[in-house]
Amino acid sequence: MKNLFVAAVAALFAFSAVSVQADKIDFTKVKCLVSGAAAKEAKSSAWKDGTVYFCCDNCKGKFEGDKKAMAAKANHQLIATGQVTQKACPFSGGEIKADKTVEFKGAKVAFCCDNCKGKAEKMSDDDKVANLFGEDAFAKAKFAKATK
């Protein structure tokens, strides 16, 4: 009986933590990373230090079936929803400057210099997704869970 009570309390705290995080996200601006349609809070999946959102169970299933292929789009959504913060330039790994930023579909990415910023600005949308939000860039930029 005691184990059941402990499990229930743990589940309640876990749900509360997710609810608090989701309360801060403006879902009118969140797009499904698979279809591009409006995402729903109830259609979500854990990703890195956050949660990504979808329009339906089909899109959620596609993501969960091949997370590696959709990593860049998932990373983009984490950034766009403010669930992670950036510590370094995604190209050089150098210190970022507040006035050297590019915004792409709701996600702001900072750079170390005008050369890196200019490189990003010249990219096609597909290249921006791959090169600004891909796994290598995400790691080099040292994105980490946002703190309150």
C-alpha atoms as a PDB file:
ATOM      1  CA  MET A   1       0.000   0.000   0.000  1.00  0.00           C
ATOM      2  CA  LYS A   2       2.849   2.367   0.885  1.00  0.00           C
ATOM      3  CA  ASN A   3       4.509   1.718  -2.518  1.00  0.00           C
ATOM      4  CA  LEU A   4       1.263   2.533  -4.306  1.00  0.00           C
ATOM      5  CA  PHE A   5       0.995   5.841  -2.412  1.00  0.00           C
ATOM      6  CA  VAL A   6       4.619   6.739  -3.207  1.00  0.00           C
ATOM      7  CA  ALA A   7       4.061   5.931  -6.894  1.00  0.00           C
ATOM      8  CA  ALA A   8       0.903   8.066  -6.979  1.00  0.00           C
ATOM      9  CA  VAL A   9       2.675  11.032  -5.380  1.00  0.00           C
ATOM     10  CA  ALA A  10       5.629  10.677  -7.778  1.00  0.00           C
ATOM     11  CA  ALA A  11       3.266  10.599 -10.764  1.00  0.00           C
ATOM     12  CA  LEU A  12       1.486  13.711  -9.497  1.00  0.00           C
ATOM     13  CA  PHE A  13       4.775  15.617  -9.177  1.00  0.00           C
ATOM     14  CA  ALA A  14       5.907  14.498 -12.642  1.00  0.00           C
ATOM     15  CA  PHE A  15       2.596  15.632 -14.165  1.00  0.00           C
ATOM     16  CA  SER A  16       2.810  18.955 -12.308  1.00  0.00           C
ATOM     17  CA  ALA A  17       6.313  19.595 -13.662  1.00  0.00           C
ATOM     18  CA  VAL A  18       5.197  18.985 -17.243  1.00  0.00           C
ATOM     19  CA  SER A  19       2.071  21.111 -16.754  1.00  0.00           C
ATOM     20  CA  VAL A  20       4.073  24.032 -15.380  1.00  0.00           C
ATOM     21  CA  GLN A  21       6.427  23.892 -18.365  1.00  0.00           C
ATOM     22  CA  ALA A  22       3.582  23.677 -20.878  1.00  0.00           C
ATOM     23  CA  ASP A  23       1.764  26.587 -19.215  1.00  0.00           C
ATOM     24  CA  LYS A  24       4.609  28.879 -20.278  1.00  0.00           C
ATOM     25  CA  ILE A  25       4.358  27.913 -23.950  1.00  0.00           C
ATOM     26  CA  ASP A  26       2.084  29.917 -26.237  1.00  0.00           C
ATOM     27  CA  PHE A  27       0.469  27.099 -28.220  1.00  0.00           C
ATOM     28  CA  THR A  28      -1.050  29.527 -30.725  1.00  0.00           C
ATOM     29  CA  LYS A  29       2.483  29.855 -32.142  1.00  0.00           C
ATOM     30  CA  VAL A  30       3.628  26.216 -31.961  1.00  0.00           C
ATOM     31  CA  LYS A  31       3.598  24.244 -35.206  1.00  0.00           C
ATOM     32  CA  CYS A  32       3.740  20.465 -35.506  1.00  0.00           C
ATOM     33  CA  LEU A  33       7.304  19.597 -36.450  1.00  0.00           C
ATOM     34  CA  VAL A  34       6.088  16.928 -38.887  1.00  0.00           C
ATOM     35  CA  SER A  35       3.151  18.547 -40.735  1.00  0.00           C
ATOM     36  CA  GLY A  36       3.510  22.234 -39.906  1.00  0.00           C
ATOM     37  CA  ALA A  37      -0.109  22.374 -38.700  1.00  0.00           C
ATOM     38  CA  ALA A  38      -1.053  23.865 -35.325  1.00  0.00           C
ATOM     39  CA  ALA A  39       0.361  21.712 -32.527  1.00  0.00           C
ATOM     40  CA  LYS A  40      -1.676  20.549 -29.563  1.00  0.00           C
ATOM     41  CA  GLU A  41      -0.450  20.406 -25.995  1.00  0.00           C
ATOM     42  CA  ALA A  42      -1.949  16.922 -25.522  1.00  0.00           C
ATOM     43  CA  LYS A  43       0.021  15.486 -28.486  1.00  0.00           C
ATOM     44  CA  SER A  44       3.580  15.524 -27.178  1.00  0.00           C
ATOM     45  CA  SER A  45       6.741  13.493 -26.827  1.00  0.00           C
ATOM     46  CA  ALA A  46       9.796  13.871 -24.613  1.00  0.00           C
ATOM     47  CA  TRP A  47      12.866  15.167 -26.458  1.00  0.00           C
ATOM     48  CA  LYS A  48      16.209  15.932 -24.804  1.00  0.00           C
ATOM     49  CA  ASP A  49      15.553  18.367 -21.935  1.00  0.00           C
ATOM     50  CA  GLY A  50      12.045  19.246 -23.043  1.00  0.00           C
ATOM     51  CA  THR A  51       8.913  18.275 -24.889  1.00  0.00           C
ATOM     52  CA  VAL A  52       8.010  18.506 -28.570  1.00  0.00           C
ATOM     53  CA  TYR A  53       4.455  18.911 -29.783  1.00  0.00           C
ATOM     54  CA  PHE A  54       2.417  17.571 -32.701  1.00  0.00           C
ATOM     55  CA  CYS A  55      -0.969  18.085 -34.340  1.00  0.00           C
ATOM     56  CA  CYS A  56      -2.047  14.440 -34.130  1.00  0.00           C
ATOM     57  CA  ASP A  57      -1.077  10.937 -33.073  1.00  0.00           C
ATOM     58  CA  ASN A  58       0.051  10.089 -36.636  1.00  0.00           C
ATOM     59  CA  CYS A  59       2.704  12.814 -36.597  1.00  0.00           C
ATOM     60  CA  LYS A  60       3.722  11.890 -33.066  1.00  0.00           C
ATOM     61  CA  GLY A  61       4.100   8.282 -34.224  1.00  0.00           C
ATOM     62  CA  LYS A  62       6.247   9.312 -37.210  1.00  0.00           C
ATOM     63  CA  PHE A  63       8.548  11.240 -34.880  1.00  0.00           C
ATOM     64  CA  GLU A  64       8.788   8.449 -32.334  1.00  0.00           C
ATOM     65  CA  GLY A  65       9.462   5.964 -35.145  1.00  0.00           C
ATOM     66  CA  ASP A  66      12.537   7.863 -36.397  1.00  0.00           C
ATOM     67  CA  LYS A  67      13.650  10.557 -33.968  1.00  0.00           C
ATOM     68  CA  LYS A  68      17.109  10.740 -35.517  1.00  0.00           C
ATOM     69  CA  ALA A  69      15.697  11.838 -38.889  1.00  0.00           C
ATOM     70  CA  MET A  70      13.633  14.574 -37.234  1.00  0.00           C
ATOM     71  CA  ALA A  71      16.207  15.738 -34.681  1.00  0.00           C
ATOM     72  CA  ALA A  72      16.866  19.126 -36.312  1.00  0.00           C
ATOM     73  CA  LYS A  73      13.152  19.979 -36.452  1.00  0.00           C
ATOM     74  CA  ALA A  74      12.690  18.814 -32.852  1.00  0.00           C
ATOM     75  CA  ASN A  75      15.664  20.931 -31.749  1.00  0.00           C
ATOM     76  CA  HIS A  76      14.182  23.915 -33.598  1.00  0.00           C
ATOM     77  CA  GLN A  77      10.895  23.503 -31.725  1.00  0.00           C
ATOM     78  CA  LEU A  78      12.696  23.324 -28.345  1.00  0.00           C
ATOM     79  CA  ILE A  79      14.424  26.608 -29.151  1.00  0.00           C
ATOM     80  CA  ALA A  80      11.315  28.299 -30.577  1.00  0.00           C
ATOM     81  CA  THR A  81       9.282  27.394 -27.485  1.00  0.00           C
ATOM     82  CA  GLY A  82      11.978  28.662 -25.109  1.00  0.00           C
ATOM     83  CA  GLN A  83      12.585  25.309 -23.476  1.00  0.00           C
ATOM     84  CA  VAL A  84      16.340  25.558 -24.041  1.00  0.00           C
ATOM     85  CA  THR A  85      18.853  28.379 -24.006  1.00  0.00           C
ATOM     86  CA  GLN A  86      21.969  28.863 -26.090  1.00  0.00           C
ATOM     87  CA  LYS A  87      25.463  29.268 -24.668  1.00  0.00           C
ATOM     88  CA  ALA A  88      27.741  29.325 -27.761  1.00  0.00           C
ATOM     89  CA  CYS A  89      27.861  29.924 -31.524  1.00  0.00           C
ATOM     90  CA  PRO A  90      26.498  26.953 -33.521  1.00  0.00           C
ATOM     91  CA  PHE A  91      29.317  27.313 -36.089  1.00  0.00           C
ATOM     92  CA  SER A  92      32.432  28.185 -34.087  1.00  0.00           C
ATOM     93  CA  GLY A  93      31.486  27.225 -30.543  1.00  0.00           C
ATOM     94  CA  GLY A  94      32.650  30.703 -29.547  1.00  0.00           C
ATOM     95  CA  GLU A  95      31.054  33.210 -27.203  1.00  0.00           C
ATOM     96  CA  ILE A  96      27.765  34.583 -28.536  1.00  0.00           C
ATOM     97  CA  LYS A  97      26.943  38.266 -28.895  1.00  0.00           C
ATOM     98  CA  ALA A  98      23.432  39.560 -28.171  1.00  0.00           C
ATOM     99  CA  ASP A  99      23.413  41.771 -31.285  1.00  0.00           C
ATOM    100  CA  LYS A 100      24.472  38.959 -33.664  1.00  0.00           C
ATOM    101  CA  THR A 101      21.229  37.006 -34.032  1.00  0.00           C
ATOM    102  CA  VAL A 102      19.085  35.485 -36.739  1.00  0.00           C
ATOM    103  CA  GLU A 103      15.454  34.533 -36.233  1.00  0.00           C
ATOM    104  CA  PHE A 104      14.050  31.590 -38.142  1.00  0.00           C
ATOM    105  CA  LYS A 105      10.416  30.559 -37.772  1.00  0.00           C
ATOM    106  CA  GLY A 106      10.177  31.655 -34.160  1.00  0.00           C
ATOM    107  CA  ALA A 107      13.625  30.475 -33.048  1.00  0.00           C
ATOM    108  CA  LYS A 108      16.316  33.044 -32.371  1.00  0.00           C
ATOM    109  CA  VAL A 109      19.917  31.867 -32.791  1.00  0.00           C
ATOM    110  CA  ALA A 110      22.904  33.967 -31.707  1.00  0.00           C
ATOM    111  CA  PHE A 111      26.388  33.987 -33.227  1.00  0.00           C
ATOM    112  CA  CYS A 112      29.876  35.042 -32.237  1.00  0.00           C
ATOM    113  CA  CYS A 113      30.494  37.437 -35.127  1.00  0.00           C
ATOM    114  CA  ASP A 114      29.103  38.989 -38.291  1.00  0.00           C
ATOM    115  CA  ASN A 115      30.791  36.317 -40.436  1.00  0.00           C
ATOM    116  CA  CYS A 116      28.846  33.498 -38.760  1.00  0.00           C
ATOM    117  CA  LYS A 117      25.645  35.554 -38.727  1.00  0.00           C
ATOM    118  CA  GLY A 118      26.078  36.378 -42.422  1.00  0.00           C
ATOM    119  CA  LYS A 119      26.696  32.727 -43.255  1.00  0.00           C
ATOM    120  CA  ALA A 120      23.376  31.800 -41.599  1.00  0.00           C
ATOM    121  CA  GLU A 121      21.449  34.623 -43.263  1.00  0.00           C
ATOM    122  CA  LYS A 122      22.534  33.444 -46.736  1.00  0.00           C
ATOM    123  CA  MET A 123      21.315  29.858 -46.200  1.00  0.00           C
ATOM    124  CA  SER A 124      18.142  28.419 -47.685  1.00  0.00           C
ATOM    125  CA  ASP A 125      15.424  27.418 -45.224  1.00  0.00           C
ATOM    126  CA  ASP A 126      16.364  23.728 -45.525  1.00  0.00           C
ATOM    127  CA  ASP A 127      20.030  24.529 -44.891  1.00  0.00           C
ATOM    128  CA  LYS A 128      19.099  26.635 -41.858  1.00  0.00           C
ATOM    129  CA  VAL A 129      17.195  23.712 -40.345  1.00  0.00           C
ATOM    130  CA  ALA A 130      20.119  21.342 -40.933  1.00  0.00           C
ATOM    131  CA  ASN A 131      22.965  23.714 -40.028  1.00  0.00           C
ATOM    132  CA  LEU A 132      21.466  25.762 -37.199  1.00  0.00           C
ATOM    133  CA  PHE A 133      19.363  23.113 -35.474  1.00  0.00           C
ATOM    134  CA  GLY A 134      21.000  19.821 -36.463  1.00  0.00           C
ATOM    135  CA  GLU A 135      22.642  17.668 -33.808  1.00  0.00           C
ATOM    136  CA  ASP A 136      26.183  18.977 -34.425  1.00  0.00           C
ATOM    137  CA  ALA A 137      25.113  22.635 -34.281  1.00  0.00           C
ATOM    138  CA  PHE A 138      22.869  22.005 -31.265  1.00  0.00           C
ATOM    139  CA  ALA A 139      25.810  20.459 -29.385  1.00  0.00           C
ATOM    140  CA  LYS A 140      28.308  23.124 -30.489  1.00  0.00           C
ATOM    141  CA  ALA A 141      25.878  25.889 -29.438  1.00  0.00           C
ATOM    142  CA  LYS A 142      25.622  24.206 -26.016  1.00  0.00           C
ATOM    143  CA  PHE A 143      21.850  24.409 -25.814  1.00  0.00           C
ATOM    144  CA  ALA A 144      20.673  23.422 -22.357  1.00  0.00           C
ATOM    145  CA  LYS A 145      17.400  23.315 -20.458  1.00  0.00           C
ATOM    146  CA  ALA A 146      16.160  26.815 -19.745  1.00  0.00           C
ATOM    147  CA  THR A 147      15.987  27.783 -16.091  1.00  0.00           C
ATOM    148  CA  LYS A 148      13.311  29.920 -14.498  1.00  0.00           C
END
